[in-house]
Amino acid sequence: MSRNPWKTLGTTCVYETPWFSVRRDDVLRPDGQPGTYSVVSSARLALGILPLSSDNTITLVGQYRYPVQEYSWEIPEGGGDPAREPLESAKRELLEETGIEAGLWTYLGRCHTSNCFVDEVAHLYLARELSYGEPSPGGDEEIVTRRVTFDEALAMAADGRITDSISIVGIFRLAEHLRSR
């Protein structure tokens, strides 16, 4: 079913930052009753990068994630300006977080990070032919990098040691990409 059963009657911006905004929509629900729907709207593209070395290791980044109050192992990821090509922003993000530059990039598709209340779209990339340098994370990041075999990253995504949705989707997309080659 592709038809939109919701009817938007009006929209009010409740809160806005440079990274996201929160809006409240007055709607007619699919059952025809009036209601409200709150949406977190991302001002940036989300990006996830899977830097896969020739020895079949992948570089993960670890950092404390304030919103969930937990330390998190993830693929390198960040935000990009929607006016730019996502790949351009992915290259910048990989270099900033890990010091890695890649000679070969493959698009692995997109995913919605939590489509029940967030409109954020994440673009996923495989990065290969890697050269390593020094990372330069932003002042709001304290990042540790770690190389693990791809099989270990896949196990971490499967058993819950990796809980970040962009990372999980990216790792499973890469597994399918590698399987189908």
N, C-alpha and C. Protein backbone atom coordinates (compact mmCIF):
# COMPACT_ATOMS: atom_id res chain seq x y z
N MET A 1 0.85 -1.18 0.00
CA MET A 1 0.00 0.00 0.00
C MET A 1 0.89 1.24 0.00
N SER A 2 0.76 2.10 -0.97
CA SER A 2 1.63 3.27 -1.07
C SER A 2 0.89 4.59 -0.84
N ARG A 3 -0.40 4.54 -0.68
CA ARG A 3 -1.17 5.75 -0.49
C ARG A 3 -0.98 6.26 0.95
N ASN A 4 -0.87 7.57 1.12
CA ASN A 4 -0.73 8.18 2.45
C ASN A 4 -2.11 8.31 3.09
N PRO A 5 -2.38 7.58 4.18
CA PRO A 5 -3.70 7.66 4.81
C PRO A 5 -3.83 8.83 5.80
N TRP A 6 -2.76 9.58 6.00
CA TRP A 6 -2.76 10.72 6.92
C TRP A 6 -3.06 12.00 6.15
N LYS A 7 -3.76 12.94 6.79
CA LYS A 7 -3.98 14.26 6.19
C LYS A 7 -3.45 15.30 7.17
N THR A 8 -2.49 16.11 6.71
CA THR A 8 -1.92 17.16 7.54
C THR A 8 -2.77 18.41 7.42
N LEU A 9 -3.23 18.91 8.56
CA LEU A 9 -4.08 20.11 8.59
C LEU A 9 -3.27 21.37 8.87
N GLY A 10 -2.18 21.22 9.61
CA GLY A 10 -1.34 22.36 9.96
C GLY A 10 -0.09 21.90 10.67
N THR A 11 0.93 22.76 10.66
CA THR A 11 2.23 22.43 11.26
C THR A 11 2.70 23.59 12.12
N THR A 12 3.24 23.28 13.30
CA THR A 12 3.81 24.28 14.19
C THR A 12 5.21 23.84 14.59
N CYS A 13 6.20 24.74 14.42
CA CYS A 13 7.56 24.45 14.88
C CYS A 13 7.58 24.66 16.40
N VAL A 14 7.97 23.64 17.14
CA VAL A 14 7.99 23.68 18.59
C VAL A 14 9.37 24.07 19.11
N TYR A 15 10.44 23.61 18.42
CA TYR A 15 11.81 23.82 18.87
C TYR A 15 12.74 23.67 17.68
N GLU A 16 13.81 24.48 17.65
CA GLU A 16 14.71 24.42 16.51
C GLU A 16 16.15 24.67 16.95
N THR A 17 17.08 23.85 16.42
CA THR A 17 18.51 24.03 16.61
C THR A 17 19.16 23.95 15.23
N PRO A 18 20.46 24.17 15.13
CA PRO A 18 21.12 24.00 13.82
C PRO A 18 21.12 22.55 13.33
N TRP A 19 20.88 21.57 14.22
CA TRP A 19 20.95 20.16 13.85
C TRP A 19 19.59 19.53 13.61
N PHE A 20 18.57 20.00 14.32
CA PHE A 20 17.25 19.39 14.16
C PHE A 20 16.18 20.37 14.63
N SER A 21 14.95 20.05 14.30
CA SER A 21 13.81 20.80 14.81
C SER A 21 12.73 19.80 15.22
N VAL A 22 11.83 20.27 16.05
CA VAL A 22 10.69 19.45 16.45
C VAL A 22 9.44 20.20 16.00
N ARG A 23 8.58 19.48 15.29
CA ARG A 23 7.33 20.11 14.84
C ARG A 23 6.16 19.28 15.33
N ARG A 24 5.04 19.97 15.49
CA ARG A 24 3.79 19.30 15.84
C ARG A 24 2.83 19.50 14.68
N ASP A 25 2.38 18.41 14.12
CA ASP A 25 1.42 18.48 13.02
C ASP A 25 0.03 18.17 13.56
N ASP A 26 -0.94 19.00 13.20
CA ASP A 26 -2.35 18.67 13.43
C ASP A 26 -2.78 17.84 12.24
N VAL A 27 -3.35 16.67 12.51
CA VAL A 27 -3.63 15.70 11.44
C VAL A 27 -5.03 15.12 11.56
N LEU A 28 -5.44 14.54 10.46
CA LEU A 28 -6.54 13.57 10.48
C LEU A 28 -5.86 12.22 10.37
N ARG A 29 -6.09 11.37 11.36
CA ARG A 29 -5.46 10.05 11.40
C ARG A 29 -6.07 9.14 10.33
N PRO A 30 -5.47 7.99 10.09
CA PRO A 30 -6.04 7.06 9.10
C PRO A 30 -7.48 6.66 9.39
N ASP A 31 -7.89 6.68 10.68
CA ASP A 31 -9.29 6.34 11.00
C ASP A 31 -10.24 7.53 10.87
N GLY A 32 -9.70 8.70 10.38
CA GLY A 32 -10.53 9.88 10.17
C GLY A 32 -10.66 10.79 11.39
N GLN A 33 -10.13 10.36 12.52
CA GLN A 33 -10.22 11.16 13.75
C GLN A 33 -9.09 12.20 13.78
N PRO A 34 -9.35 13.37 14.39
CA PRO A 34 -8.29 14.38 14.51
C PRO A 34 -7.24 13.92 15.53
N GLY A 35 -6.04 14.41 15.34
CA GLY A 35 -4.95 14.07 16.25
C GLY A 35 -3.77 14.98 16.03
N THR A 36 -2.70 14.68 16.73
CA THR A 36 -1.44 15.39 16.53
C THR A 36 -0.35 14.34 16.31
N TYR A 37 0.68 14.75 15.57
CA TYR A 37 1.83 13.90 15.33
C TYR A 37 3.06 14.77 15.48
N SER A 38 3.96 14.40 16.38
CA SER A 38 5.20 15.15 16.58
C SER A 38 6.32 14.48 15.80
N VAL A 39 7.12 15.31 15.13
CA VAL A 39 8.20 14.80 14.27
C VAL A 39 9.48 15.54 14.60
N VAL A 40 10.56 14.79 14.79
CA VAL A 40 11.90 15.36 14.88
C VAL A 40 12.42 15.40 13.45
N SER A 41 12.74 16.60 12.97
CA SER A 41 13.16 16.78 11.60
C SER A 41 14.66 17.12 11.57
N SER A 42 15.42 16.30 10.90
CA SER A 42 16.87 16.48 10.83
C SER A 42 17.23 17.58 9.85
N ALA A 43 18.15 18.43 10.25
CA ALA A 43 18.62 19.50 9.37
C ALA A 43 19.81 19.03 8.54
N ARG A 44 20.32 17.82 8.82
CA ARG A 44 21.51 17.31 8.15
C ARG A 44 21.26 15.89 7.65
N LEU A 45 22.06 15.47 6.70
CA LEU A 45 22.04 14.08 6.26
C LEU A 45 22.87 13.27 7.25
N ALA A 46 22.45 12.07 7.53
CA ALA A 46 23.27 11.17 8.34
C ALA A 46 24.12 10.33 7.40
N LEU A 47 25.32 10.01 7.84
CA LEU A 47 26.26 9.28 7.01
C LEU A 47 26.87 8.15 7.82
N GLY A 48 27.03 7.00 7.23
CA GLY A 48 27.72 5.88 7.85
C GLY A 48 28.74 5.33 6.88
N ILE A 49 29.98 5.16 7.36
CA ILE A 49 31.07 4.72 6.50
C ILE A 49 31.65 3.43 7.04
N LEU A 50 31.86 2.46 6.16
CA LEU A 50 32.44 1.16 6.53
C LEU A 50 33.83 1.05 5.91
N PRO A 51 34.87 1.48 6.64
CA PRO A 51 36.23 1.43 6.10
C PRO A 51 36.80 0.01 6.21
N LEU A 52 36.83 -0.69 5.09
CA LEU A 52 37.25 -2.09 5.05
C LEU A 52 38.64 -2.18 4.43
N SER A 53 39.59 -2.68 5.22
CA SER A 53 40.98 -2.81 4.78
C SER A 53 41.17 -4.05 3.92
N SER A 54 42.30 -4.11 3.23
CA SER A 54 42.61 -5.27 2.38
C SER A 54 42.78 -6.54 3.20
N ASP A 55 43.08 -6.42 4.52
CA ASP A 55 43.20 -7.60 5.38
C ASP A 55 41.85 -7.99 6.01
N ASN A 56 40.76 -7.43 5.49
CA ASN A 56 39.39 -7.72 5.92
C ASN A 56 39.10 -7.27 7.35
N THR A 57 39.80 -6.21 7.78
CA THR A 57 39.46 -5.59 9.05
C THR A 57 38.68 -4.32 8.77
N ILE A 58 37.86 -3.96 9.73
CA ILE A 58 37.06 -2.75 9.62
C ILE A 58 37.40 -1.86 10.81
N THR A 59 37.44 -0.56 10.56
CA THR A 59 37.73 0.38 11.64
C THR A 59 36.42 0.83 12.27
N LEU A 60 36.32 0.61 13.57
CA LEU A 60 35.18 1.09 14.36
C LEU A 60 35.63 2.27 15.20
N VAL A 61 34.69 3.09 15.59
CA VAL A 61 34.98 4.19 16.50
C VAL A 61 34.17 3.97 17.78
N GLY A 62 34.78 4.31 18.89
CA GLY A 62 34.10 4.20 20.17
C GLY A 62 33.99 5.58 20.79
N GLN A 63 32.82 5.86 21.33
CA GLN A 63 32.62 7.12 22.03
C GLN A 63 31.43 7.03 22.96
N TYR A 64 31.42 7.89 23.95
CA TYR A 64 30.31 7.94 24.89
C TYR A 64 29.19 8.74 24.23
N ARG A 65 28.00 8.16 24.19
CA ARG A 65 26.84 8.82 23.58
C ARG A 65 25.95 9.39 24.68
N TYR A 66 25.97 10.70 24.77
CA TYR A 66 25.26 11.40 25.83
C TYR A 66 23.76 11.07 25.90
N PRO A 67 23.03 11.07 24.78
CA PRO A 67 21.58 10.84 24.89
C PRO A 67 21.20 9.52 25.55
N VAL A 68 21.97 8.46 25.31
CA VAL A 68 21.63 7.16 25.88
C VAL A 68 22.48 6.82 27.10
N GLN A 69 23.43 7.72 27.43
CA GLN A 69 24.30 7.54 28.60
C GLN A 69 25.03 6.20 28.57
N GLU A 70 25.59 5.87 27.40
CA GLU A 70 26.33 4.62 27.22
C GLU A 70 27.50 4.83 26.28
N TYR A 71 28.54 4.01 26.47
CA TYR A 71 29.64 3.97 25.53
C TYR A 71 29.20 3.14 24.34
N SER A 72 29.59 3.55 23.14
CA SER A 72 29.08 2.91 21.94
C SER A 72 30.20 2.65 20.94
N TRP A 73 30.27 1.41 20.44
CA TRP A 73 31.13 1.10 19.29
C TRP A 73 30.28 1.20 18.04
N GLU A 74 30.80 1.89 17.03
CA GLU A 74 30.04 2.22 15.83
C GLU A 74 30.96 2.24 14.62
N ILE A 75 30.36 2.25 13.44
CA ILE A 75 31.12 2.60 12.25
C ILE A 75 31.30 4.12 12.29
N PRO A 76 32.31 4.66 11.61
CA PRO A 76 32.42 6.12 11.55
C PRO A 76 31.15 6.70 10.93
N GLU A 77 30.62 7.72 11.57
CA GLU A 77 29.38 8.33 11.06
C GLU A 77 29.31 9.78 11.50
N GLY A 78 28.43 10.49 10.86
CA GLY A 78 28.26 11.90 11.20
C GLY A 78 27.18 12.51 10.33
N GLY A 79 27.22 13.83 10.26
CA GLY A 79 26.21 14.56 9.52
C GLY A 79 26.80 15.31 8.35
N GLY A 80 25.96 15.54 7.36
CA GLY A 80 26.38 16.27 6.18
C GLY A 80 25.36 17.31 5.77
N ASP A 81 25.82 18.31 5.10
CA ASP A 81 24.97 19.37 4.57
C ASP A 81 24.10 18.81 3.45
N PRO A 82 22.77 18.93 3.56
CA PRO A 82 21.90 18.38 2.51
C PRO A 82 22.11 19.02 1.14
N ALA A 83 22.74 20.20 1.08
CA ALA A 83 23.00 20.85 -0.20
C ALA A 83 24.22 20.26 -0.91
N ARG A 84 24.99 19.42 -0.22
CA ARG A 84 26.18 18.80 -0.81
C ARG A 84 25.90 17.34 -1.13
N GLU A 85 26.75 16.80 -1.98
CA GLU A 85 26.67 15.36 -2.26
C GLU A 85 27.01 14.60 -0.98
N PRO A 86 26.24 13.59 -0.61
CA PRO A 86 26.54 12.83 0.60
C PRO A 86 27.95 12.24 0.61
N LEU A 87 28.45 11.80 -0.55
CA LEU A 87 29.79 11.20 -0.59
C LEU A 87 30.85 12.21 -0.17
N GLU A 88 30.71 13.45 -0.58
CA GLU A 88 31.66 14.50 -0.20
C GLU A 88 31.72 14.63 1.33
N SER A 89 30.56 14.63 1.96
CA SER A 89 30.50 14.73 3.41
C SER A 89 31.02 13.46 4.08
N ALA A 90 30.78 12.29 3.47
CA ALA A 90 31.26 11.03 4.03
C ALA A 90 32.79 11.00 4.03
N LYS A 91 33.41 11.48 2.98
CA LYS A 91 34.88 11.53 2.92
C LYS A 91 35.43 12.41 4.03
N ARG A 92 34.81 13.57 4.24
CA ARG A 92 35.24 14.49 5.30
C ARG A 92 35.08 13.85 6.67
N GLU A 93 33.95 13.19 6.88
CA GLU A 93 33.66 12.58 8.18
C GLU A 93 34.63 11.45 8.49
N LEU A 94 34.93 10.60 7.51
CA LEU A 94 35.87 9.50 7.72
C LEU A 94 37.25 10.04 8.09
N LEU A 95 37.71 11.04 7.38
CA LEU A 95 39.01 11.63 7.66
C LEU A 95 39.04 12.26 9.05
N GLU A 96 38.01 13.00 9.39
CA GLU A 96 37.94 13.69 10.68
C GLU A 96 37.96 12.69 11.84
N GLU A 97 37.12 11.67 11.78
CA GLU A 97 36.97 10.74 12.91
C GLU A 97 38.09 9.71 13.02
N THR A 98 38.67 9.31 11.88
CA THR A 98 39.62 8.20 11.91
C THR A 98 40.99 8.52 11.31
N GLY A 99 41.10 9.60 10.55
CA GLY A 99 42.34 9.88 9.83
C GLY A 99 42.50 9.04 8.57
N ILE A 100 41.45 8.35 8.17
CA ILE A 100 41.52 7.46 7.01
C ILE A 100 41.02 8.19 5.76
N GLU A 101 41.76 7.97 4.66
CA GLU A 101 41.31 8.39 3.33
C GLU A 101 41.14 7.13 2.50
N ALA A 102 40.16 7.14 1.60
CA ALA A 102 39.86 5.96 0.79
C ALA A 102 39.96 6.29 -0.69
N GLY A 103 40.50 5.35 -1.45
CA GLY A 103 40.61 5.52 -2.90
C GLY A 103 39.43 4.98 -3.66
N LEU A 104 38.62 4.14 -3.00
CA LEU A 104 37.48 3.51 -3.68
C LEU A 104 36.27 3.57 -2.77
N TRP A 105 35.17 4.10 -3.29
CA TRP A 105 33.93 4.26 -2.52
C TRP A 105 32.79 3.55 -3.24
N THR A 106 31.97 2.84 -2.46
CA THR A 106 30.80 2.15 -3.00
C THR A 106 29.59 2.53 -2.15
N TYR A 107 28.53 2.96 -2.82
CA TYR A 107 27.29 3.33 -2.11
C TYR A 107 26.54 2.05 -1.74
N LEU A 108 26.18 1.93 -0.46
CA LEU A 108 25.45 0.76 0.03
C LEU A 108 23.98 1.05 0.32
N GLY A 109 23.50 2.22 -0.11
CA GLY A 109 22.09 2.53 0.06
C GLY A 109 21.83 3.46 1.23
N ARG A 110 20.57 3.59 1.54
CA ARG A 110 20.14 4.49 2.60
C ARG A 110 19.24 3.75 3.56
N CYS A 111 19.04 4.35 4.73
CA CYS A 111 18.11 3.81 5.70
C CYS A 111 17.54 4.95 6.53
N HIS A 112 16.37 4.72 7.10
CA HIS A 112 15.78 5.68 8.04
C HIS A 112 16.18 5.23 9.44
N THR A 113 16.65 6.16 10.25
CA THR A 113 17.21 5.79 11.55
C THR A 113 16.15 5.42 12.58
N SER A 114 14.99 6.05 12.54
CA SER A 114 13.89 5.72 13.46
C SER A 114 12.63 6.36 12.91
N ASN A 115 12.06 5.77 11.86
CA ASN A 115 11.03 6.44 11.07
C ASN A 115 9.67 6.59 11.73
N CYS A 116 9.55 6.22 12.99
CA CYS A 116 8.26 6.42 13.67
C CYS A 116 8.11 7.85 14.17
N PHE A 117 9.23 8.58 14.39
CA PHE A 117 9.11 9.97 14.82
C PHE A 117 10.25 10.86 14.32
N VAL A 118 11.18 10.32 13.53
CA VAL A 118 12.32 11.08 13.02
C VAL A 118 12.35 10.95 11.51
N ASP A 119 12.61 12.05 10.80
CA ASP A 119 12.67 11.97 9.33
C ASP A 119 14.10 11.80 8.80
N GLU A 120 15.05 11.50 9.66
CA GLU A 120 16.46 11.40 9.28
C GLU A 120 16.70 10.24 8.31
N VAL A 121 17.49 10.53 7.28
CA VAL A 121 17.91 9.53 6.30
C VAL A 121 19.42 9.39 6.41
N ALA A 122 19.89 8.15 6.52
CA ALA A 122 21.33 7.88 6.58
C ALA A 122 21.78 7.26 5.27
N HIS A 123 22.89 7.77 4.73
CA HIS A 123 23.50 7.22 3.52
C HIS A 123 24.72 6.41 3.94
N LEU A 124 24.84 5.19 3.40
CA LEU A 124 25.87 4.24 3.80
C LEU A 124 26.88 4.02 2.68
N TYR A 125 28.16 4.02 3.05
CA TYR A 125 29.23 3.86 2.06
C TYR A 125 30.26 2.84 2.53
N LEU A 126 30.72 2.04 1.60
CA LEU A 126 31.89 1.19 1.79
C LEU A 126 33.09 1.97 1.31
N ALA A 127 34.12 2.05 2.15
CA ALA A 127 35.38 2.74 1.78
C ALA A 127 36.48 1.69 1.72
N ARG A 128 37.22 1.65 0.59
CA ARG A 128 38.31 0.68 0.39
C ARG A 128 39.53 1.42 -0.13
N GLU A 129 40.62 0.66 -0.29
CA GLU A 129 41.91 1.24 -0.70
C GLU A 129 42.28 2.36 0.27
N LEU A 130 42.47 1.99 1.52
CA LEU A 130 42.61 2.93 2.62
C LEU A 130 44.05 3.35 2.87
N SER A 131 44.20 4.61 3.24
CA SER A 131 45.48 5.10 3.76
C SER A 131 45.17 5.76 5.11
N TYR A 132 46.10 5.55 6.05
CA TYR A 132 45.85 5.93 7.44
C TYR A 132 46.67 7.15 7.84
N GLY A 133 46.00 8.06 8.52
CA GLY A 133 46.66 9.25 9.06
C GLY A 133 46.14 9.51 10.46
N GLU A 134 46.23 10.74 10.88
CA GLU A 134 45.80 11.11 12.22
C GLU A 134 44.38 11.67 12.20
N PRO A 135 43.52 11.20 13.09
CA PRO A 135 42.16 11.76 13.18
C PRO A 135 42.19 13.18 13.75
N SER A 136 41.14 13.93 13.49
CA SER A 136 40.99 15.28 14.06
C SER A 136 39.53 15.50 14.43
N PRO A 137 39.07 14.79 15.48
CA PRO A 137 37.66 14.92 15.86
C PRO A 137 37.34 16.32 16.38
N GLY A 138 36.05 16.64 16.35
CA GLY A 138 35.58 17.92 16.85
C GLY A 138 35.67 17.99 18.37
N GLY A 139 35.51 19.17 18.91
CA GLY A 139 35.60 19.39 20.34
C GLY A 139 34.52 18.70 21.14
N ASP A 140 33.45 18.29 20.49
CA ASP A 140 32.37 17.59 21.19
C ASP A 140 32.50 16.07 21.06
N GLU A 141 33.67 15.61 20.58
CA GLU A 141 33.89 14.18 20.39
C GLU A 141 35.18 13.74 21.09
N GLU A 142 35.10 12.64 21.78
CA GLU A 142 36.28 11.97 22.33
C GLU A 142 36.23 10.56 21.77
N ILE A 143 36.95 10.34 20.68
CA ILE A 143 36.81 9.12 19.88
C ILE A 143 38.04 8.23 20.02
N VAL A 144 37.78 6.93 20.13
CA VAL A 144 38.82 5.91 20.09
C VAL A 144 38.55 5.07 18.85
N THR A 145 39.60 4.73 18.09
CA THR A 145 39.41 3.86 16.94
C THR A 145 39.92 2.47 17.27
N ARG A 146 39.33 1.49 16.61
CA ARG A 146 39.66 0.09 16.87
C ARG A 146 39.43 -0.68 15.58
N ARG A 147 40.41 -1.49 15.17
CA ARG A 147 40.23 -2.35 14.00
C ARG A 147 39.89 -3.75 14.46
N VAL A 148 38.83 -4.29 13.88
CA VAL A 148 38.41 -5.66 14.16
C VAL A 148 38.19 -6.36 12.82
N THR A 149 38.21 -7.69 12.83
CA THR A 149 37.89 -8.39 11.60
C THR A 149 36.43 -8.09 11.24
N PHE A 150 36.12 -8.19 9.96
CA PHE A 150 34.74 -7.95 9.58
C PHE A 150 33.82 -8.97 10.24
N ASP A 151 34.26 -10.22 10.37
CA ASP A 151 33.43 -11.23 11.05
C ASP A 151 33.14 -10.81 12.49
N GLU A 152 34.12 -10.22 13.18
CA GLU A 152 33.90 -9.76 14.55
C GLU A 152 32.89 -8.61 14.57
N ALA A 153 33.00 -7.67 13.64
CA ALA A 153 32.04 -6.56 13.56
C ALA A 153 30.64 -7.10 13.31
N LEU A 154 30.52 -8.10 12.44
CA LEU A 154 29.23 -8.71 12.15
C LEU A 154 28.67 -9.38 13.41
N ALA A 155 29.53 -10.07 14.15
CA ALA A 155 29.08 -10.70 15.40
C ALA A 155 28.66 -9.64 16.41
N MET A 156 29.38 -8.53 16.49
CA MET A 156 29.04 -7.45 17.42
C MET A 156 27.68 -6.85 17.09
N ALA A 157 27.39 -6.71 15.79
CA ALA A 157 26.09 -6.18 15.37
C ALA A 157 24.98 -7.19 15.66
N ALA A 158 25.28 -8.47 15.50
CA ALA A 158 24.27 -9.51 15.69
C ALA A 158 23.98 -9.77 17.17
N ASP A 159 25.00 -9.68 18.03
CA ASP A 159 24.78 -10.06 19.43
C ASP A 159 24.52 -8.88 20.37
N GLY A 160 24.46 -7.66 19.83
CA GLY A 160 24.08 -6.52 20.66
C GLY A 160 25.23 -5.71 21.24
N ARG A 161 26.47 -6.08 20.94
CA ARG A 161 27.57 -5.23 21.39
C ARG A 161 27.61 -3.92 20.61
N ILE A 162 27.10 -3.94 19.39
CA ILE A 162 26.87 -2.71 18.63
C ILE A 162 25.36 -2.49 18.64
N THR A 163 24.93 -1.33 19.13
CA THR A 163 23.50 -1.04 19.23
C THR A 163 23.05 0.12 18.34
N ASP A 164 23.98 0.85 17.77
CA ASP A 164 23.67 1.99 16.90
C ASP A 164 23.03 1.51 15.60
N SER A 165 21.87 2.07 15.26
CA SER A 165 21.11 1.57 14.10
C SER A 165 21.85 1.77 12.78
N ILE A 166 22.51 2.89 12.59
CA ILE A 166 23.24 3.12 11.33
C ILE A 166 24.34 2.08 11.19
N SER A 167 25.04 1.80 12.28
CA SER A 167 26.12 0.81 12.25
C SER A 167 25.59 -0.59 11.94
N ILE A 168 24.51 -0.98 12.59
CA ILE A 168 23.95 -2.31 12.38
C ILE A 168 23.50 -2.47 10.93
N VAL A 169 22.76 -1.51 10.43
CA VAL A 169 22.30 -1.60 9.03
C VAL A 169 23.50 -1.62 8.09
N GLY A 170 24.48 -0.74 8.33
CA GLY A 170 25.66 -0.68 7.47
C GLY A 170 26.43 -1.99 7.45
N ILE A 171 26.63 -2.59 8.62
CA ILE A 171 27.38 -3.85 8.70
C ILE A 171 26.63 -4.97 7.98
N PHE A 172 25.33 -5.06 8.17
CA PHE A 172 24.57 -6.10 7.48
C PHE A 172 24.48 -5.84 5.97
N ARG A 173 24.39 -4.57 5.57
CA ARG A 173 24.41 -4.28 4.13
C ARG A 173 25.76 -4.67 3.52
N LEU A 174 26.84 -4.38 4.26
CA LEU A 174 28.16 -4.76 3.76
C LEU A 174 28.28 -6.28 3.68
N ALA A 175 27.77 -7.00 4.66
CA ALA A 175 27.82 -8.47 4.62
C ALA A 175 27.12 -8.98 3.37
N GLU A 176 25.97 -8.43 3.06
CA GLU A 176 25.24 -8.85 1.85
C GLU A 176 26.01 -8.46 0.59
N HIS A 177 26.60 -7.28 0.58
CA HIS A 177 27.40 -6.81 -0.57
C HIS A 177 28.56 -7.78 -0.81
N LEU A 178 29.26 -8.16 0.25
CA LEU A 178 30.41 -9.06 0.12
C LEU A 178 29.96 -10.46 -0.28
N ARG A 179 28.83 -10.91 0.23
CA ARG A 179 28.30 -12.23 -0.09
C ARG A 179 27.91 -12.33 -1.57
N SER A 180 27.36 -11.26 -2.11
CA SER A 180 26.84 -11.30 -3.47
C SER A 180 27.90 -11.04 -4.53
N ARG A 181 29.11 -10.74 -4.12
CA ARG A 181 30.19 -10.48 -5.10
C ARG A 181 30.79 -11.74 -5.64
